[in-house]
């Protein structure tokens, strides 16, 4: 292609591009060519009209080398800083209980609806695995009105029949009846102490008990505190609240920190002393 107005044609080293510098003035008309205006600001006070012609092999080579460099640096960075796997309690092994272990188990609870939820779920677990309850947890929340003790306390025989037909929960009449009865007892505790939270934390002196277990074999199934809680709950009309269930409740709700000292969550939860 020839430059107009006898303007010099200057090839660029290492590239198929060439430049034509045109004088400023009316927009030139070149068939099939589109003129680009580029404003230069680095010490230059005039506007150039530039026409590029040829292929960009040099530019492609430079871009490819740049991309290769960035990729190699990223790979080096990934190799230099490998992720260190988290050490968890031995029971946290699957997609259900790992999030529960990492985000909920052992975190102190101070919300009454959450307390009632754990009372329902721990009672439902009796004789079953906790993974079974975790799978059914969402359905429990649906059919038990978001774990609202005021609503659950008003369930009648028709509601009980509906619950017994629901495969999404543990269909055990004794456990369902106990849940409704426990909701009524729960409301009585709230009337006496203001909140269920104020009532139950008295059994550990108002703050989490920090344990330092090194192996799961050392963890107790129950403690004097869970024995005392169990007796008091039963005296108030609660059911499915034996000492072992009560200790599981205390572990889940952060009344005790029973993460192993080797587990990353033990240190996280020790701040609640």
C-alpha atoms as a PDB file:
ATOM      1  CA  UNK A   1       0.000   0.000   0.000  1.00  0.00           C
ATOM      2  CA  UNK A   2       1.318   3.485  -0.814  1.00  0.00           C
ATOM      3  CA  UNK A   3       1.248   6.397   1.582  1.00  0.00           C
ATOM      4  CA  UNK A   4      -0.743   9.428   0.515  1.00  0.00           C
ATOM      5  CA  UNK A   5       0.722  12.910   0.053  1.00  0.00           C
ATOM      6  CA  UNK A   6       4.179  11.409  -0.408  1.00  0.00           C
ATOM      7  CA  UNK A   7       4.346  10.815   3.341  1.00  0.00           C
ATOM      8  CA  UNK A   8       7.260   8.638   4.439  1.00  0.00           C
ATOM      9  CA  UNK A   9       6.554   4.978   5.032  1.00  0.00           C
ATOM     10  CA  UNK A  10       8.471   3.726   8.084  1.00  0.00           C
ATOM     11  CA  UNK A  11       8.620  -0.049   8.721  1.00  0.00           C
ATOM     12  CA  UNK A  12       8.717  -1.295  12.338  1.00  0.00           C
ATOM     13  CA  UNK A  13      11.627  -3.525  13.256  1.00  0.00           C
ATOM     14  CA  UNK A  14      10.694  -7.163  13.920  1.00  0.00           C
ATOM     15  CA  UNK A  15       7.140  -6.727  12.619  1.00  0.00           C
ATOM     16  CA  UNK A  16       5.147  -6.670   9.418  1.00  0.00           C
ATOM     17  CA  UNK A  17       3.583  -3.344  10.454  1.00  0.00           C
ATOM     18  CA  UNK A  18       4.485  -0.038   8.835  1.00  0.00           C
ATOM     19  CA  UNK A  19       3.382   3.509   9.643  1.00  0.00           C
ATOM     20  CA  UNK A  20       2.363   6.398   7.447  1.00  0.00           C
ATOM     21  CA  UNK A  21       2.330   9.805   9.130  1.00  0.00           C
ATOM     22  CA  UNK A  22      -0.268  12.061   7.553  1.00  0.00           C
ATOM     23  CA  UNK A  23      -0.679  15.780   7.927  1.00  0.00           C
ATOM     24  CA  UNK A  24      -3.627  16.997   9.928  1.00  0.00           C
ATOM     25  CA  UNK A  25      -6.502  18.284   7.905  1.00  0.00           C
ATOM     26  CA  UNK A  26      -9.733  16.995   6.393  1.00  0.00           C
ATOM     27  CA  UNK A  27     -10.372  13.294   6.889  1.00  0.00           C
ATOM     28  CA  UNK A  28      -8.802  11.447   3.921  1.00  0.00           C
ATOM     29  CA  UNK A  29     -10.918   9.029   1.986  1.00  0.00           C
ATOM     30  CA  UNK A  30      -9.289   5.651   1.459  1.00  0.00           C
ATOM     31  CA  UNK A  31     -11.408   2.876  -0.019  1.00  0.00           C
ATOM     32  CA  UNK A  32     -11.680  -0.052   2.358  1.00  0.00           C
ATOM     33  CA  UNK A  33      -9.512   1.561   5.048  1.00  0.00           C
ATOM     34  CA  UNK A  34     -10.653   2.889   8.439  1.00  0.00           C
ATOM     35  CA  UNK A  35      -8.662   5.732   9.945  1.00  0.00           C
ATOM     36  CA  UNK A  36      -7.957   5.586  13.688  1.00  0.00           C
ATOM     37  CA  UNK A  37      -7.279   8.654  15.776  1.00  0.00           C
ATOM     38  CA  UNK A  38      -4.775   8.108  18.572  1.00  0.00           C
ATOM     39  CA  UNK A  39      -3.954  10.944  20.955  1.00  0.00           C
ATOM     40  CA  UNK A  40      -0.407  11.061  22.275  1.00  0.00           C
ATOM     41  CA  UNK A  41       0.120  12.679  25.650  1.00  0.00           C
ATOM     42  CA  UNK A  42       3.696  11.790  26.624  1.00  0.00           C
ATOM     43  CA  UNK A  43       5.378  15.071  25.701  1.00  0.00           C
ATOM     44  CA  UNK A  44       3.702  15.326  22.280  1.00  0.00           C
ATOM     45  CA  UNK A  45       1.193  18.091  21.486  1.00  0.00           C
ATOM     46  CA  UNK A  46      -0.039  16.921  18.107  1.00  0.00           C
ATOM     47  CA  UNK A  47      -2.362  14.204  16.811  1.00  0.00           C
ATOM     48  CA  UNK A  48      -1.150  11.507  14.459  1.00  0.00           C
ATOM     49  CA  UNK A  49      -3.309   9.615  12.003  1.00  0.00           C
ATOM     50  CA  UNK A  50      -1.875   6.170  11.706  1.00  0.00           C
ATOM     51  CA  UNK A  51      -2.503   3.498   9.096  1.00  0.00           C
ATOM     52  CA  UNK A  52      -1.293   0.000   9.920  1.00  0.00           C
ATOM     53  CA  UNK A  53      -0.624  -2.498   7.191  1.00  0.00           C
ATOM     54  CA  UNK A  54       0.832  -5.986   7.083  1.00  0.00           C
ATOM     55  CA  UNK A  55       0.687  -8.920   9.493  1.00  0.00           C
ATOM     56  CA  UNK A  56       1.405  -8.993  13.241  1.00  0.00           C
ATOM     57  CA  UNK A  57       3.740 -11.915  13.526  1.00  0.00           C
ATOM     58  CA  UNK A  58       6.155 -10.032  15.762  1.00  0.00           C
ATOM     59  CA  UNK A  59       3.331  -8.942  18.063  1.00  0.00           C
ATOM     60  CA  UNK A  60       2.000 -12.502  18.283  1.00  0.00           C
ATOM     61  CA  UNK A  61       5.429 -13.816  19.200  1.00  0.00           C
ATOM     62  CA  UNK A  62       5.789 -11.246  21.977  1.00  0.00           C
ATOM     63  CA  UNK A  63       2.290 -11.953  23.318  1.00  0.00           C
ATOM     64  CA  UNK A  64       2.933 -15.705  23.320  1.00  0.00           C
ATOM     65  CA  UNK A  65       6.182 -15.275  25.221  1.00  0.00           C
ATOM     66  CA  UNK A  66       4.396 -13.060  27.764  1.00  0.00           C
ATOM     67  CA  UNK A  67       1.603 -15.603  28.305  1.00  0.00           C
ATOM     68  CA  UNK A  68       4.133 -18.401  28.726  1.00  0.00           C
ATOM     69  CA  UNK A  69       5.984 -16.344  31.326  1.00  0.00           C
ATOM     70  CA  UNK A  70       2.830 -15.602  33.336  1.00  0.00           C
ATOM     71  CA  UNK A  71       1.780 -19.263  33.210  1.00  0.00           C
ATOM     72  CA  UNK A  72       5.165 -20.469  34.373  1.00  0.00           C
ATOM     73  CA  UNK A  73       5.213 -17.973  37.256  1.00  0.00           C
ATOM     74  CA  UNK A  74       1.728 -19.082  38.366  1.00  0.00           C
ATOM     75  CA  UNK A  75       2.765 -22.732  38.281  1.00  0.00           C
ATOM     76  CA  UNK A  76       5.880 -21.951  40.311  1.00  0.00           C
ATOM     77  CA  UNK A  77       3.792 -20.074  42.868  1.00  0.00           C
ATOM     78  CA  UNK A  78       1.355 -22.979  43.244  1.00  0.00           C
ATOM     79  CA  UNK A  79       4.197 -25.444  43.706  1.00  0.00           C
ATOM     80  CA  UNK A  80       5.975 -23.215  46.185  1.00  0.00           C
ATOM     81  CA  UNK A  81       2.945 -22.824  48.536  1.00  0.00           C
ATOM     82  CA  UNK A  82       0.994 -26.114  48.728  1.00  0.00           C
ATOM     83  CA  UNK A  83      -2.150 -26.110  50.887  1.00  0.00           C
ATOM     84  CA  UNK A  84      -1.738 -27.676  54.312  1.00  0.00           C
ATOM     85  CA  UNK A  85      -4.656 -30.060  55.024  1.00  0.00           C
ATOM     86  CA  UNK A  86      -6.746 -29.245  58.089  1.00  0.00           C
ATOM     87  CA  UNK A  87      -6.656 -31.674  60.983  1.00  0.00           C
ATOM     88  CA  UNK A  88     -10.163 -32.463  62.212  1.00  0.00           C
ATOM     89  CA  UNK A  89     -11.781 -34.674  64.803  1.00  0.00           C
ATOM     90  CA  UNK A  90     -11.817 -38.256  63.504  1.00  0.00           C
ATOM     91  CA  UNK A  91     -15.617 -38.430  63.151  1.00  0.00           C
ATOM     92  CA  UNK A  92     -15.731 -35.624  60.554  1.00  0.00           C
ATOM     93  CA  UNK A  93     -15.253 -37.600  57.342  1.00  0.00           C
ATOM     94  CA  UNK A  94     -17.970 -36.817  54.781  1.00  0.00           C
ATOM     95  CA  UNK A  95     -19.824 -34.044  52.987  1.00  0.00           C
ATOM     96  CA  UNK A  96     -22.520 -33.975  55.673  1.00  0.00           C
ATOM     97  CA  UNK A  97     -20.566 -33.904  58.897  1.00  0.00           C
ATOM     98  CA  UNK A  98     -17.478 -31.957  57.824  1.00  0.00           C
ATOM     99  CA  UNK A  99     -19.392 -28.646  57.362  1.00  0.00           C
ATOM    100  CA  UNK A 100     -21.268 -29.349  60.586  1.00  0.00           C
ATOM    101  CA  UNK A 101     -17.998 -30.004  62.416  1.00  0.00           C
ATOM    102  CA  UNK A 102     -16.268 -26.954  60.960  1.00  0.00           C
ATOM    103  CA  UNK A 103     -19.095 -24.447  61.392  1.00  0.00           C
ATOM    104  CA  UNK A 104     -21.461 -25.561  64.170  1.00  0.00           C
ATOM    105  CA  UNK A 105     -20.291 -28.308  66.511  1.00  0.00           C
ATOM    106  CA  UNK A 106     -18.996 -26.791  69.717  1.00  0.00           C
ATOM    107  CA  UNK A 107     -19.983 -23.193  68.923  1.00  0.00           C
ATOM    108  CA  UNK A 108     -21.754 -21.712  71.973  1.00  0.00           C
ATOM    109  CA  UNK A 109     -25.496 -21.337  71.418  1.00  0.00           C
ATOM    110  CA  UNK A 110     -27.459 -18.440  72.921  1.00  0.00           C
ATOM    111  CA  UNK A 111     -30.624 -18.457  70.829  1.00  0.00           C
ATOM    112  CA  UNK A 112     -33.718 -20.178  72.239  1.00  0.00           C
ATOM    113  CA  UNK A 113     -35.030 -21.419  68.875  1.00  0.00           C
ATOM    114  CA  UNK A 114     -31.622 -22.967  68.221  1.00  0.00           C
ATOM    115  CA  UNK A 115     -31.721 -24.583  71.660  1.00  0.00           C
ATOM    116  CA  UNK A 116     -35.090 -26.120  70.883  1.00  0.00           C
ATOM    117  CA  UNK A 117     -33.806 -27.359  67.518  1.00  0.00           C
ATOM    118  CA  UNK A 118     -30.926 -29.219  69.179  1.00  0.00           C
ATOM    119  CA  UNK A 119     -33.259 -30.675  71.816  1.00  0.00           C
ATOM    120  CA  UNK A 120     -35.440 -32.092  69.016  1.00  0.00           C
ATOM    121  CA  UNK A 121     -32.538 -33.413  66.952  1.00  0.00           C
ATOM    122  CA  UNK A 122     -30.565 -34.918  69.832  1.00  0.00           C
ATOM    123  CA  UNK A 123     -33.684 -36.688  71.074  1.00  0.00           C
ATOM    124  CA  UNK A 124     -34.460 -37.966  67.574  1.00  0.00           C
ATOM    125  CA  UNK A 125     -30.927 -39.350  67.281  1.00  0.00           C
ATOM    126  CA  UNK A 126     -31.382 -41.847  70.128  1.00  0.00           C
ATOM    127  CA  UNK A 127     -30.404 -45.247  68.678  1.00  0.00           C
ATOM    128  CA  UNK A 128     -29.373 -43.736  65.324  1.00  0.00           C
ATOM    129  CA  UNK A 129     -26.268 -42.138  63.820  1.00  0.00           C
ATOM    130  CA  UNK A 130     -25.858 -38.367  63.781  1.00  0.00           C
ATOM    131  CA  UNK A 131     -25.353 -38.496  60.000  1.00  0.00           C
ATOM    132  CA  UNK A 132     -28.903 -39.850  59.694  1.00  0.00           C
ATOM    133  CA  UNK A 133     -30.208 -36.826  61.579  1.00  0.00           C
ATOM    134  CA  UNK A 134     -28.135 -34.404  59.494  1.00  0.00           C
ATOM    135  CA  UNK A 135     -29.683 -35.850  56.322  1.00  0.00           C
ATOM    136  CA  UNK A 136     -33.160 -35.266  57.738  1.00  0.00           C
ATOM    137  CA  UNK A 137     -32.445 -31.914  59.366  1.00  0.00           C
ATOM    138  CA  UNK A 138     -33.869 -29.732  56.612  1.00  0.00           C
ATOM    139  CA  UNK A 139     -37.100 -31.700  56.588  1.00  0.00           C
ATOM    140  CA  UNK A 140     -37.353 -31.447  60.375  1.00  0.00           C
ATOM    141  CA  UNK A 141     -37.131 -27.682  60.069  1.00  0.00           C
ATOM    142  CA  UNK A 142     -39.973 -27.685  57.549  1.00  0.00           C
ATOM    143  CA  UNK A 143     -42.447 -29.947  59.341  1.00  0.00           C
ATOM    144  CA  UNK A 144     -41.712 -28.593  62.832  1.00  0.00           C
ATOM    145  CA  UNK A 145     -42.395 -24.960  61.851  1.00  0.00           C
ATOM    146  CA  UNK A 146     -38.808 -23.773  61.904  1.00  0.00           C
ATOM    147  CA  UNK A 147     -38.302 -25.252  65.392  1.00  0.00           C
ATOM    148  CA  UNK A 148     -40.690 -22.736  66.933  1.00  0.00           C
ATOM    149  CA  UNK A 149     -41.549 -24.183  70.383  1.00  0.00           C
ATOM    150  CA  UNK A 150     -44.723 -22.109  70.616  1.00  0.00           C
ATOM    151  CA  UNK A 151     -46.127 -23.692  67.454  1.00  0.00           C
ATOM    152  CA  UNK A 152     -44.895 -27.215  68.200  1.00  0.00           C
ATOM    153  CA  UNK A 153     -46.494 -27.086  71.648  1.00  0.00           C
ATOM    154  CA  UNK A 154     -49.896 -26.693  69.961  1.00  0.00           C
ATOM    155  CA  UNK A 155     -49.692 -29.786  67.724  1.00  0.00           C
ATOM    156  CA  UNK A 156     -52.750 -32.048  67.900  1.00  0.00           C
ATOM    157  CA  UNK A 157     -53.427 -35.686  67.019  1.00  0.00           C
ATOM    158  CA  UNK A 158     -54.027 -34.829  63.362  1.00  0.00           C
ATOM    159  CA  UNK A 159     -50.578 -33.237  63.130  1.00  0.00           C
ATOM    160  CA  UNK A 160     -49.049 -36.284  64.819  1.00  0.00           C
ATOM    161  CA  UNK A 161     -50.622 -38.569  62.210  1.00  0.00           C
ATOM    162  CA  UNK A 162     -49.173 -36.385  59.448  1.00  0.00           C
ATOM    163  CA  UNK A 163     -45.717 -36.542  61.009  1.00  0.00           C
ATOM    164  CA  UNK A 164     -45.877 -40.326  61.311  1.00  0.00           C
ATOM    165  CA  UNK A 165     -46.431 -40.539  57.537  1.00  0.00           C
ATOM    166  CA  UNK A 166     -43.494 -38.258  56.679  1.00  0.00           C
ATOM    167  CA  UNK A 167     -40.495 -40.307  55.519  1.00  0.00           C
ATOM    168  CA  UNK A 168     -38.287 -37.226  55.792  1.00  0.00           C
ATOM    169  CA  UNK A 169     -38.118 -37.481  59.585  1.00  0.00           C
ATOM    170  CA  UNK A 170     -37.689 -40.264  62.140  1.00  0.00           C
ATOM    171  CA  UNK A 171     -41.175 -41.776  62.258  1.00  0.00           C
ATOM    172  CA  UNK A 172     -41.221 -42.869  65.863  1.00  0.00           C
ATOM    173  CA  UNK A 173     -44.379 -42.068  67.820  1.00  0.00           C
ATOM    174  CA  UNK A 174     -42.594 -41.894  71.166  1.00  0.00           C
ATOM    175  CA  UNK A 175     -40.070 -39.389  69.811  1.00  0.00           C
ATOM    176  CA  UNK A 176     -42.743 -37.278  68.115  1.00  0.00           C
ATOM    177  CA  UNK A 177     -44.902 -37.223  71.240  1.00  0.00           C
ATOM    178  CA  UNK A 178     -41.821 -36.350  73.303  1.00  0.00           C
ATOM    179  CA  UNK A 179     -41.015 -33.457  70.973  1.00  0.00           C
ATOM    180  CA  UNK A 180     -44.463 -31.941  71.485  1.00  0.00           C
ATOM    181  CA  UNK A 181     -44.315 -32.482  75.242  1.00  0.00           C
ATOM    182  CA  UNK A 182     -40.789 -31.044  75.374  1.00  0.00           C
ATOM    183  CA  UNK A 183     -42.007 -27.932  73.550  1.00  0.00           C
ATOM    184  CA  UNK A 184     -44.544 -27.330  76.319  1.00  0.00           C
ATOM    185  CA  UNK A 185     -41.923 -27.879  79.011  1.00  0.00           C
ATOM    186  CA  UNK A 186     -39.569 -25.566  77.100  1.00  0.00           C
ATOM    187  CA  UNK A 187     -42.145 -22.761  77.285  1.00  0.00           C
ATOM    188  CA  UNK A 188     -42.474 -23.318  81.034  1.00  0.00           C
ATOM    189  CA  UNK A 189     -38.719 -22.927  81.467  1.00  0.00           C
ATOM    190  CA  UNK A 190     -38.832 -19.696  79.461  1.00  0.00           C
ATOM    191  CA  UNK A 191     -41.576 -18.339  81.710  1.00  0.00           C
ATOM    192  CA  UNK A 192     -39.560 -19.173  84.816  1.00  0.00           C
ATOM    193  CA  UNK A 193     -36.073 -18.060  83.722  1.00  0.00           C
ATOM    194  CA  UNK A 194     -36.851 -15.557  80.993  1.00  0.00           C
ATOM    195  CA  UNK A 195     -35.023 -17.638  78.387  1.00  0.00           C
ATOM    196  CA  UNK A 196     -34.067 -21.282  78.055  1.00  0.00           C
ATOM    197  CA  UNK A 197     -30.540 -20.053  77.409  1.00  0.00           C
ATOM    198  CA  UNK A 198     -30.347 -18.452  80.873  1.00  0.00           C
ATOM    199  CA  UNK A 199     -31.568 -21.697  82.419  1.00  0.00           C
ATOM    200  CA  UNK A 200     -29.251 -24.201  80.735  1.00  0.00           C
ATOM    201  CA  UNK A 201     -25.941 -22.320  80.929  1.00  0.00           C
ATOM    202  CA  UNK A 202     -26.142 -22.450  84.738  1.00  0.00           C
ATOM    203  CA  UNK A 203     -25.040 -26.090  84.558  1.00  0.00           C
ATOM    204  CA  UNK A 204     -21.528 -25.088  83.417  1.00  0.00           C
ATOM    205  CA  UNK A 205     -21.241 -21.879  85.395  1.00  0.00           C
ATOM    206  CA  UNK A 206     -22.277 -19.635  82.508  1.00  0.00           C
ATOM    207  CA  UNK A 207     -19.280 -20.267  80.231  1.00  0.00           C
ATOM    208  CA  UNK A 208     -17.943 -23.123  78.069  1.00  0.00           C
ATOM    209  CA  UNK A 209     -15.846 -25.774  79.749  1.00  0.00           C
ATOM    210  CA  UNK A 210     -12.553 -26.057  77.860  1.00  0.00           C
ATOM    211  CA  UNK A 211     -11.349 -29.658  77.663  1.00  0.00           C
ATOM    212  CA  UNK A 212      -8.048 -30.896  76.259  1.00  0.00           C
ATOM    213  CA  UNK A 213      -8.644 -34.378  74.901  1.00  0.00           C
ATOM    214  CA  UNK A 214      -5.880 -35.922  72.783  1.00  0.00           C
ATOM    215  CA  UNK A 215      -7.816 -38.980  71.550  1.00  0.00           C
ATOM    216  CA  UNK A 216     -11.501 -39.726  71.027  1.00  0.00           C
ATOM    217  CA  UNK A 217     -11.204 -42.749  73.284  1.00  0.00           C
ATOM    218  CA  UNK A 218     -10.769 -40.350  76.208  1.00  0.00           C
ATOM    219  CA  UNK A 219     -14.020 -38.474  75.569  1.00  0.00           C
ATOM    220  CA  UNK A 220     -16.666 -39.342  78.180  1.00  0.00           C
ATOM    221  CA  UNK A 221     -20.193 -40.439  77.263  1.00  0.00           C
ATOM    222  CA  UNK A 222     -21.541 -38.407  80.174  1.00  0.00           C
ATOM    223  CA  UNK A 223     -20.283 -36.198  82.997  1.00  0.00           C
ATOM    224  CA  UNK A 224     -21.532 -35.004  86.395  1.00  0.00           C
ATOM    225  CA  UNK A 225     -22.786 -31.859  84.638  1.00  0.00           C
ATOM    226  CA  UNK A 226     -24.788 -33.835  82.070  1.00  0.00           C
ATOM    227  CA  UNK A 227     -26.167 -36.029  84.879  1.00  0.00           C
ATOM    228  CA  UNK A 228     -27.381 -32.945  86.746  1.00  0.00           C
ATOM    229  CA  UNK A 229     -28.886 -31.441  83.591  1.00  0.00           C
ATOM    230  CA  UNK A 230     -30.643 -34.693  82.717  1.00  0.00           C
ATOM    231  CA  UNK A 231     -32.202 -35.022  86.171  1.00  0.00           C
ATOM    232  CA  UNK A 232     -33.423 -31.439  86.175  1.00  0.00           C
ATOM    233  CA  UNK A 233     -34.903 -31.642  82.664  1.00  0.00           C
ATOM    234  CA  UNK A 234     -36.722 -34.855  83.499  1.00  0.00           C
ATOM    235  CA  UNK A 235     -38.082 -33.283  86.689  1.00  0.00           C
ATOM    236  CA  UNK A 236     -39.504 -30.509  84.486  1.00  0.00           C
ATOM    237  CA  UNK A 237     -41.273 -32.985  82.195  1.00  0.00           C
ATOM    238  CA  UNK A 238     -38.737 -33.372  79.366  1.00  0.00           C
ATOM    239  CA  UNK A 239     -38.282 -36.776  77.734  1.00  0.00           C
ATOM    240  CA  UNK A 240     -35.455 -38.317  75.686  1.00  0.00           C
ATOM    241  CA  UNK A 241     -33.006 -36.321  77.792  1.00  0.00           C
ATOM    242  CA  UNK A 242     -30.865 -39.013  79.448  1.00  0.00           C
ATOM    243  CA  UNK A 243     -27.319 -38.170  80.640  1.00  0.00           C
ATOM    244  CA  UNK A 244     -25.714 -39.359  77.374  1.00  0.00           C
ATOM    245  CA  UNK A 245     -28.131 -37.359  75.200  1.00  0.00           C
ATOM    246  CA  UNK A 246     -27.598 -34.348  77.429  1.00  0.00           C
ATOM    247  CA  UNK A 247     -23.829 -34.602  77.080  1.00  0.00           C
ATOM    248  CA  UNK A 248     -24.153 -34.808  73.287  1.00  0.00           C
ATOM    249  CA  UNK A 249     -26.343 -31.689  73.529  1.00  0.00           C
ATOM    250  CA  UNK A 250     -23.699 -29.928  75.612  1.00  0.00           C
ATOM    251  CA  UNK A 251     -20.982 -30.825  73.093  1.00  0.00           C
ATOM    252  CA  UNK A 252     -23.004 -29.670  70.088  1.00  0.00           C
ATOM    253  CA  UNK A 253     -24.018 -26.340  71.650  1.00  0.00           C
ATOM    254  CA  UNK A 254     -20.603 -25.343  72.966  1.00  0.00           C
ATOM    255  CA  UNK A 255     -21.241 -25.843  76.665  1.00  0.00           C
ATOM    256  CA  UNK A 256     -18.075 -27.931  76.478  1.00  0.00           C
ATOM    257  CA  UNK A 257     -15.255 -27.746  73.944  1.00  0.00           C
ATOM    258  CA  UNK A 258     -14.631 -31.399  73.101  1.00  0.00           C
ATOM    259  CA  UNK A 259     -12.692 -30.911  69.879  1.00  0.00           C
ATOM    260  CA  UNK A 260      -9.393 -32.744  70.148  1.00  0.00           C
ATOM    261  CA  UNK A 261      -6.423 -30.488  70.842  1.00  0.00           C
ATOM    262  CA  UNK A 262      -5.027 -31.548  67.446  1.00  0.00           C
ATOM    263  CA  UNK A 263      -8.201 -30.326  65.673  1.00  0.00           C
ATOM    264  CA  UNK A 264      -8.013 -26.838  64.175  1.00  0.00           C
ATOM    265  CA  UNK A 265     -11.375 -25.956  65.741  1.00  0.00           C
ATOM    266  CA  UNK A 266     -10.148 -26.494  69.304  1.00  0.00           C
ATOM    267  CA  UNK A 267      -8.068 -23.340  69.217  1.00  0.00           C
ATOM    268  CA  UNK A 268     -10.833 -21.396  67.425  1.00  0.00           C
ATOM    269  CA  UNK A 269     -13.343 -22.215  70.167  1.00  0.00           C
ATOM    270  CA  UNK A 270     -10.987 -21.731  73.095  1.00  0.00           C
ATOM    271  CA  UNK A 271     -11.589 -17.975  72.770  1.00  0.00           C
ATOM    272  CA  UNK A 272     -15.004 -18.476  74.377  1.00  0.00           C
ATOM    273  CA  UNK A 273     -13.439 -18.990  77.821  1.00  0.00           C
END
